[in-house]
Amino acid sequence: MDVRVGDVLTMKKPHPCGEKRWLVLRTGMDFRLRCLGCGHEVMGARSKLERNIKSIQHKDDAK
């Protein structure tokens, strides 16, 4: 899956604040994500998080 820094991920399940969209801050073996609702940052294994991705909005697409 092609996930890059600056992309916005829409997840299958919402964060407790109600937001489903996350900003990618770091990629590699794991992802560092920031919730676009409350600003909470989480770090998780790539294999686990990739299963929960519903869609990817690439930074280039926004322009």
PDB file of N, CA and C in Angstrom:
ATOM      1  N   MET A   1       0.848  -1.175   0.000  1.00  0.00           N
ATOM      2  CA  MET A   1       0.000   0.000   0.000  1.00  0.00           C
ATOM      3  C   MET A   1       0.892   1.236   0.000  1.00  0.00           C
ATOM      4  N   ASP A   2       0.581   2.191  -0.867  1.00  0.00           N
ATOM      5  CA  ASP A   2       1.406   3.388  -1.027  1.00  0.00           C
ATOM      6  C   ASP A   2       0.921   4.502  -0.099  1.00  0.00           C
ATOM      7  N   VAL A   3       1.501   4.559   1.087  1.00  0.00           N
ATOM      8  CA  VAL A   3       1.167   5.598   2.068  1.00  0.00           C
ATOM      9  C   VAL A   3       2.409   6.453   2.257  1.00  0.00           C
ATOM     10  N   ARG A   4       2.245   7.773   2.108  1.00  0.00           N
ATOM     11  CA  ARG A   4       3.369   8.695   2.230  1.00  0.00           C
ATOM     12  C   ARG A   4       3.091   9.742   3.304  1.00  0.00           C
ATOM     13  N   VAL A   5       4.150  10.366   3.789  1.00  0.00           N
ATOM     14  CA  VAL A   5       4.018  11.438   4.781  1.00  0.00           C
ATOM     15  C   VAL A   5       3.187  12.563   4.171  1.00  0.00           C
ATOM     16  N   GLY A   6       2.218  13.060   4.916  1.00  0.00           N
ATOM     17  CA  GLY A   6       1.346  14.137   4.451  1.00  0.00           C
ATOM     18  C   GLY A   6       0.009  13.652   3.922  1.00  0.00           C
ATOM     19  N   ASP A   7      -0.126  12.338   3.705  1.00  0.00           N
ATOM     20  CA  ASP A   7      -1.400  11.781   3.239  1.00  0.00           C
ATOM     21  C   ASP A   7      -2.425  11.797   4.367  1.00  0.00           C
ATOM     22  N   VAL A   8      -3.701  11.812   3.999  1.00  0.00           N
ATOM     23  CA  VAL A   8      -4.786  11.723   4.974  1.00  0.00           C
ATOM     24  C   VAL A   8      -5.457  10.369   4.793  1.00  0.00           C
ATOM     25  N   LEU A   9      -5.484   9.582   5.862  1.00  0.00           N
ATOM     26  CA  LEU A   9      -6.087   8.254   5.833  1.00  0.00           C
ATOM     27  C   LEU A   9      -7.478   8.314   6.437  1.00  0.00           C
ATOM     28  N   THR A  10      -8.432   7.672   5.794  1.00  0.00           N
ATOM     29  CA  THR A  10      -9.762   7.501   6.363  1.00  0.00           C
ATOM     30  C   THR A  10      -9.827   6.067   6.858  1.00  0.00           C
ATOM     31  N   MET A  11     -10.061   5.909   8.156  1.00  0.00           N
ATOM     32  CA  MET A  11     -10.073   4.583   8.765  1.00  0.00           C
ATOM     33  C   MET A  11     -11.492   4.021   8.812  1.00  0.00           C
ATOM     34  N   LYS A  12     -11.596   2.707   9.003  1.00  0.00           N
ATOM     35  CA  LYS A  12     -12.900   2.042   9.070  1.00  0.00           C
ATOM     36  C   LYS A  12     -13.650   2.410  10.349  1.00  0.00           C
ATOM     37  N   LYS A  13     -12.915   2.491  11.463  1.00  0.00           N
ATOM     38  CA  LYS A  13     -13.547   2.805  12.749  1.00  0.00           C
ATOM     39  C   LYS A  13     -13.103   4.191  13.215  1.00  0.00           C
ATOM     40  N   PRO A  14     -13.996   4.947  13.829  1.00  0.00           N
ATOM     41  CA  PRO A  14     -13.627   6.293  14.287  1.00  0.00           C
ATOM     42  C   PRO A  14     -12.804   6.273  15.578  1.00  0.00           C
ATOM     43  N   HIS A  15     -12.059   7.356  15.772  1.00  0.00           N
ATOM     44  CA  HIS A  15     -11.345   7.613  17.023  1.00  0.00           C
ATOM     45  C   HIS A  15     -12.413   7.946  18.071  1.00  0.00           C
ATOM     46  N   PRO A  16     -12.150   7.795  19.359  1.00  0.00           N
ATOM     47  CA  PRO A  16     -13.155   8.139  20.371  1.00  0.00           C
ATOM     48  C   PRO A  16     -13.710   9.568  20.269  1.00  0.00           C
ATOM     49  N   CYS A  17     -12.966  10.480  19.647  1.00  0.00           N
ATOM     50  CA  CYS A  17     -13.474  11.852  19.482  1.00  0.00           C
ATOM     51  C   CYS A  17     -14.492  11.935  18.343  1.00  0.00           C
ATOM     52  N   GLY A  18     -14.625  10.863  17.545  1.00  0.00           N
ATOM     53  CA  GLY A  18     -15.609  10.830  16.469  1.00  0.00           C
ATOM     54  C   GLY A  18     -15.034  10.998  15.070  1.00  0.00           C
ATOM     55  N   GLU A  19     -13.766  11.366  14.962  1.00  0.00           N
ATOM     56  CA  GLU A  19     -13.127  11.598  13.652  1.00  0.00           C
ATOM     57  C   GLU A  19     -12.558  10.297  13.081  1.00  0.00           C
ATOM     58  N   LYS A  20     -12.718  10.113  11.766  1.00  0.00           N
ATOM     59  CA  LYS A  20     -12.187   8.921  11.092  1.00  0.00           C
ATOM     60  C   LYS A  20     -10.942   9.228  10.269  1.00  0.00           C
ATOM     61  N   ARG A  21     -10.583  10.524  10.138  1.00  0.00           N
ATOM     62  CA  ARG A  21      -9.454  10.900   9.287  1.00  0.00           C
ATOM     63  C   ARG A  21      -8.194  11.158  10.115  1.00  0.00           C
ATOM     64  N   TRP A  22      -7.055  10.665   9.596  1.00  0.00           N
ATOM     65  CA  TRP A  22      -5.766  10.776  10.268  1.00  0.00           C
ATOM     66  C   TRP A  22      -4.715  11.294   9.299  1.00  0.00           C
ATOM     67  N   LEU A  23      -3.826  12.153   9.766  1.00  0.00           N
ATOM     68  CA  LEU A  23      -2.711  12.670   8.980  1.00  0.00           C
ATOM     69  C   LEU A  23      -1.487  11.800   9.238  1.00  0.00           C
ATOM     70  N   VAL A  24      -0.784  11.395   8.176  1.00  0.00           N
ATOM     71  CA  VAL A  24       0.416  10.561   8.307  1.00  0.00           C
ATOM     72  C   VAL A  24       1.615  11.462   8.595  1.00  0.00           C
ATOM     73  N   LEU A  25       2.277  11.229   9.732  1.00  0.00           N
ATOM     74  CA  LEU A  25       3.447  12.010  10.123  1.00  0.00           C
ATOM     75  C   LEU A  25       4.744  11.260   9.846  1.00  0.00           C
ATOM     76  N   ARG A  26       4.695   9.909   9.865  1.00  0.00           N
ATOM     77  CA  ARG A  26       5.890   9.092   9.691  1.00  0.00           C
ATOM     78  C   ARG A  26       5.483   7.760   9.081  1.00  0.00           C
ATOM     79  N   THR A  27       6.326   7.225   8.195  1.00  0.00           N
ATOM     80  CA  THR A  27       6.082   5.905   7.618  1.00  0.00           C
ATOM     81  C   THR A  27       7.326   5.043   7.793  1.00  0.00           C
ATOM     82  N   GLY A  28       7.182   3.781   7.534  1.00  0.00           N
ATOM     83  CA  GLY A  28       8.273   2.812   7.680  1.00  0.00           C
ATOM     84  C   GLY A  28       7.657   1.502   8.126  1.00  0.00           C
ATOM     85  N   MET A  29       8.295   0.815   9.044  1.00  0.00           N
ATOM     86  CA  MET A  29       7.735  -0.417   9.595  1.00  0.00           C
ATOM     87  C   MET A  29       6.493  -0.126  10.434  1.00  0.00           C
ATOM     88  N   ASP A  30       6.394   1.128  10.888  1.00  0.00           N
ATOM     89  CA  ASP A  30       5.213   1.548  11.642  1.00  0.00           C
ATOM     90  C   ASP A  30       4.810   2.944  11.169  1.00  0.00           C
ATOM     91  N   PHE A  31       3.600   3.346  11.509  1.00  0.00           N
ATOM     92  CA  PHE A  31       3.076   4.661  11.133  1.00  0.00           C
ATOM     93  C   PHE A  31       2.945   5.519  12.380  1.00  0.00           C
ATOM     94  N   ARG A  32       3.176   6.824  12.224  1.00  0.00           N
ATOM     95  CA  ARG A  32       2.829   7.796  13.261  1.00  0.00           C
ATOM     96  C   ARG A  32       1.724   8.637  12.646  1.00  0.00           C
ATOM     97  N   LEU A  33       0.572   8.664  13.317  1.00  0.00           N
ATOM     98  CA  LEU A  33      -0.612   9.342  12.795  1.00  0.00           C
ATOM     99  C   LEU A  33      -1.104  10.396  13.776  1.00  0.00           C
ATOM    100  N   ARG A  34      -1.719  11.476  13.237  1.00  0.00           N
ATOM    101  CA  ARG A  34      -2.343  12.509  14.071  1.00  0.00           C
ATOM    102  C   ARG A  34      -3.817  12.579  13.703  1.00  0.00           C
ATOM    103  N   CYS A  35      -4.676  12.487  14.712  1.00  0.00           N
ATOM    104  CA  CYS A  35      -6.118  12.595  14.509  1.00  0.00           C
ATOM    105  C   CYS A  35      -6.440  14.019  14.066  1.00  0.00           C
ATOM    106  N   LEU A  36      -7.234  14.148  13.007  1.00  0.00           N
ATOM    107  CA  LEU A  36      -7.594  15.479  12.509  1.00  0.00           C
ATOM    108  C   LEU A  36      -8.729  16.110  13.312  1.00  0.00           C
ATOM    109  N   GLY A  37      -9.298  15.365  14.250  1.00  0.00           N
ATOM    110  CA  GLY A  37     -10.356  15.900  15.100  1.00  0.00           C
ATOM    111  C   GLY A  37      -9.806  16.545  16.359  1.00  0.00           C
ATOM    112  N   CYS A  38      -9.011  15.778  17.112  1.00  0.00           N
ATOM    113  CA  CYS A  38      -8.545  16.262  18.414  1.00  0.00           C
ATOM    114  C   CYS A  38      -7.035  16.488  18.484  1.00  0.00           C
ATOM    115  N   GLY A  39      -6.281  16.032  17.460  1.00  0.00           N
ATOM    116  CA  GLY A  39      -4.839  16.247  17.450  1.00  0.00           C
ATOM    117  C   GLY A  39      -4.033  15.184  18.174  1.00  0.00           C
ATOM    118  N   HIS A  40      -4.696  14.151  18.682  1.00  0.00           N
ATOM    119  CA  HIS A  40      -4.008  13.066  19.389  1.00  0.00           C
ATOM    120  C   HIS A  40      -3.096  12.317  18.419  1.00  0.00           C
ATOM    121  N   GLU A  41      -1.862  12.007  18.851  1.00  0.00           N
ATOM    122  CA  GLU A  41      -0.918  11.279  18.005  1.00  0.00           C
ATOM    123  C   GLU A  41      -0.758   9.851  18.501  1.00  0.00           C
ATOM    124  N   VAL A  42      -0.741   8.915  17.556  1.00  0.00           N
ATOM    125  CA  VAL A  42      -0.534   7.503  17.885  1.00  0.00           C
ATOM    126  C   VAL A  42       0.526   6.930  16.952  1.00  0.00           C
ATOM    127  N   MET A  43       1.184   5.877  17.436  1.00  0.00           N
ATOM    128  CA  MET A  43       2.153   5.164  16.623  1.00  0.00           C
ATOM    129  C   MET A  43       1.760   3.702  16.659  1.00  0.00           C
ATOM    130  N   GLY A  44       1.690   3.069  15.489  1.00  0.00           N
ATOM    131  CA  GLY A  44       1.272   1.676  15.440  1.00  0.00           C
ATOM    132  C   GLY A  44       1.950   0.925  14.317  1.00  0.00           C
ATOM    133  N   ALA A  45       1.923  -0.392  14.424  1.00  0.00           N
ATOM    134  CA  ALA A  45       2.540  -1.256  13.420  1.00  0.00           C
ATOM    135  C   ALA A  45       1.848  -1.096  12.072  1.00  0.00           C
ATOM    136  N   ARG A  46       2.642  -1.014  11.024  1.00  0.00           N
ATOM    137  CA  ARG A  46       2.120  -0.857   9.665  1.00  0.00           C
ATOM    138  C   ARG A  46       1.144  -1.975   9.310  1.00  0.00           C
ATOM    139  N   SER A  47       1.502  -3.219   9.632  1.00  0.00           N
ATOM    140  CA  SER A  47       0.658  -4.370   9.280  1.00  0.00           C
ATOM    141  C   SER A  47      -0.723  -4.276   9.923  1.00  0.00           C
ATOM    142  N   LYS A  48      -0.784  -3.781  11.142  1.00  0.00           N
ATOM    143  CA  LYS A  48      -2.059  -3.673  11.851  1.00  0.00           C
ATOM    144  C   LYS A  48      -2.899  -2.503  11.324  1.00  0.00           C
ATOM    145  N   LEU A  49      -2.258  -1.367  11.098  1.00  0.00           N
ATOM    146  CA  LEU A  49      -2.982  -0.173  10.653  1.00  0.00           C
ATOM    147  C   LEU A  49      -3.444  -0.276   9.201  1.00  0.00           C
ATOM    148  N   GLU A  50      -2.667  -0.946   8.335  1.00  0.00           N
ATOM    149  CA  GLU A  50      -3.059  -1.066   6.924  1.00  0.00           C
ATOM    150  C   GLU A  50      -4.380  -1.809   6.769  1.00  0.00           C
ATOM    151  N   ARG A  51      -4.670  -2.726   7.670  1.00  0.00           N
ATOM    152  CA  ARG A  51      -5.935  -3.473   7.611  1.00  0.00           C
ATOM    153  C   ARG A  51      -7.139  -2.582   7.893  1.00  0.00           C
ATOM    154  N   ASN A  52      -6.925  -1.492   8.630  1.00  0.00           N
ATOM    155  CA  ASN A  52      -8.027  -0.614   9.032  1.00  0.00           C
ATOM    156  C   ASN A  52      -8.226   0.587   8.116  1.00  0.00           C
ATOM    157  N   ILE A  53      -7.411   0.727   7.063  1.00  0.00           N
ATOM    158  CA  ILE A  53      -7.527   1.870   6.150  1.00  0.00           C
ATOM    159  C   ILE A  53      -8.673   1.649   5.172  1.00  0.00           C
ATOM    160  N   LYS A  54      -9.564   2.643   5.104  1.00  0.00           N
ATOM    161  CA  LYS A  54     -10.690   2.593   4.164  1.00  0.00           C
ATOM    162  C   LYS A  54     -10.320   3.292   2.859  1.00  0.00           C
ATOM    163  N   SER A  55      -9.689   4.475   2.958  1.00  0.00           N
ATOM    164  CA  SER A  55      -9.249   5.194   1.760  1.00  0.00           C
ATOM    165  C   SER A  55      -8.053   6.081   2.097  1.00  0.00           C
ATOM    166  N   ILE A  56      -7.318   6.469   1.031  1.00  0.00           N
ATOM    167  CA  ILE A  56      -6.139   7.321   1.178  1.00  0.00           C
ATOM    168  C   ILE A  56      -6.319   8.545   0.294  1.00  0.00           C
ATOM    169  N   GLN A  57      -6.164   9.728   0.889  1.00  0.00           N
ATOM    170  CA  GLN A  57      -6.174  10.970   0.109  1.00  0.00           C
ATOM    171  C   GLN A  57      -4.728  11.464   0.096  1.00  0.00           C
ATOM    172  N   HIS A  58      -4.064  11.325  -1.056  1.00  0.00           N
ATOM    173  CA  HIS A  58      -2.663  11.727  -1.161  1.00  0.00           C
ATOM    174  C   HIS A  58      -2.543  13.237  -1.118  1.00  0.00           C
ATOM    175  N   LYS A  59      -1.427  13.705  -0.577  1.00  0.00           N
ATOM    176  CA  LYS A  59      -1.180  15.142  -0.451  1.00  0.00           C
ATOM    177  C   LYS A  59      -1.236  15.817  -1.824  1.00  0.00           C
ATOM    178  N   ASP A  60      -0.772  15.135  -2.871  1.00  0.00           N
ATOM    179  CA  ASP A  60      -0.764  15.688  -4.233  1.00  0.00           C
ATOM    180  C   ASP A  60      -2.177  15.896  -4.765  1.00  0.00           C
ATOM    181  N   ASP A  61      -3.131  15.044  -4.370  1.00  0.00           N
ATOM    182  CA  ASP A  61      -4.508  15.114  -4.866  1.00  0.00           C
ATOM    183  C   ASP A  61      -5.236  16.372  -4.413  1.00  0.00           C
ATOM    184  N   ALA A  62      -4.840  16.951  -3.288  1.00  0.00           N
ATOM    185  CA  ALA A  62      -5.536  18.108  -2.725  1.00  0.00           C
ATOM    186  C   ALA A  62      -5.317  19.364  -3.572  1.00  0.00           C
ATOM    187  N   LYS A  63      -4.243  19.390  -4.355  1.00  0.00           N
ATOM    188  CA  LYS A  63      -3.919  20.585  -5.148  1.00  0.00           C
ATOM    189  C   LYS A  63      -4.736  20.668  -6.397  1.00  0.00           C
TER     190      LYS A  63
END
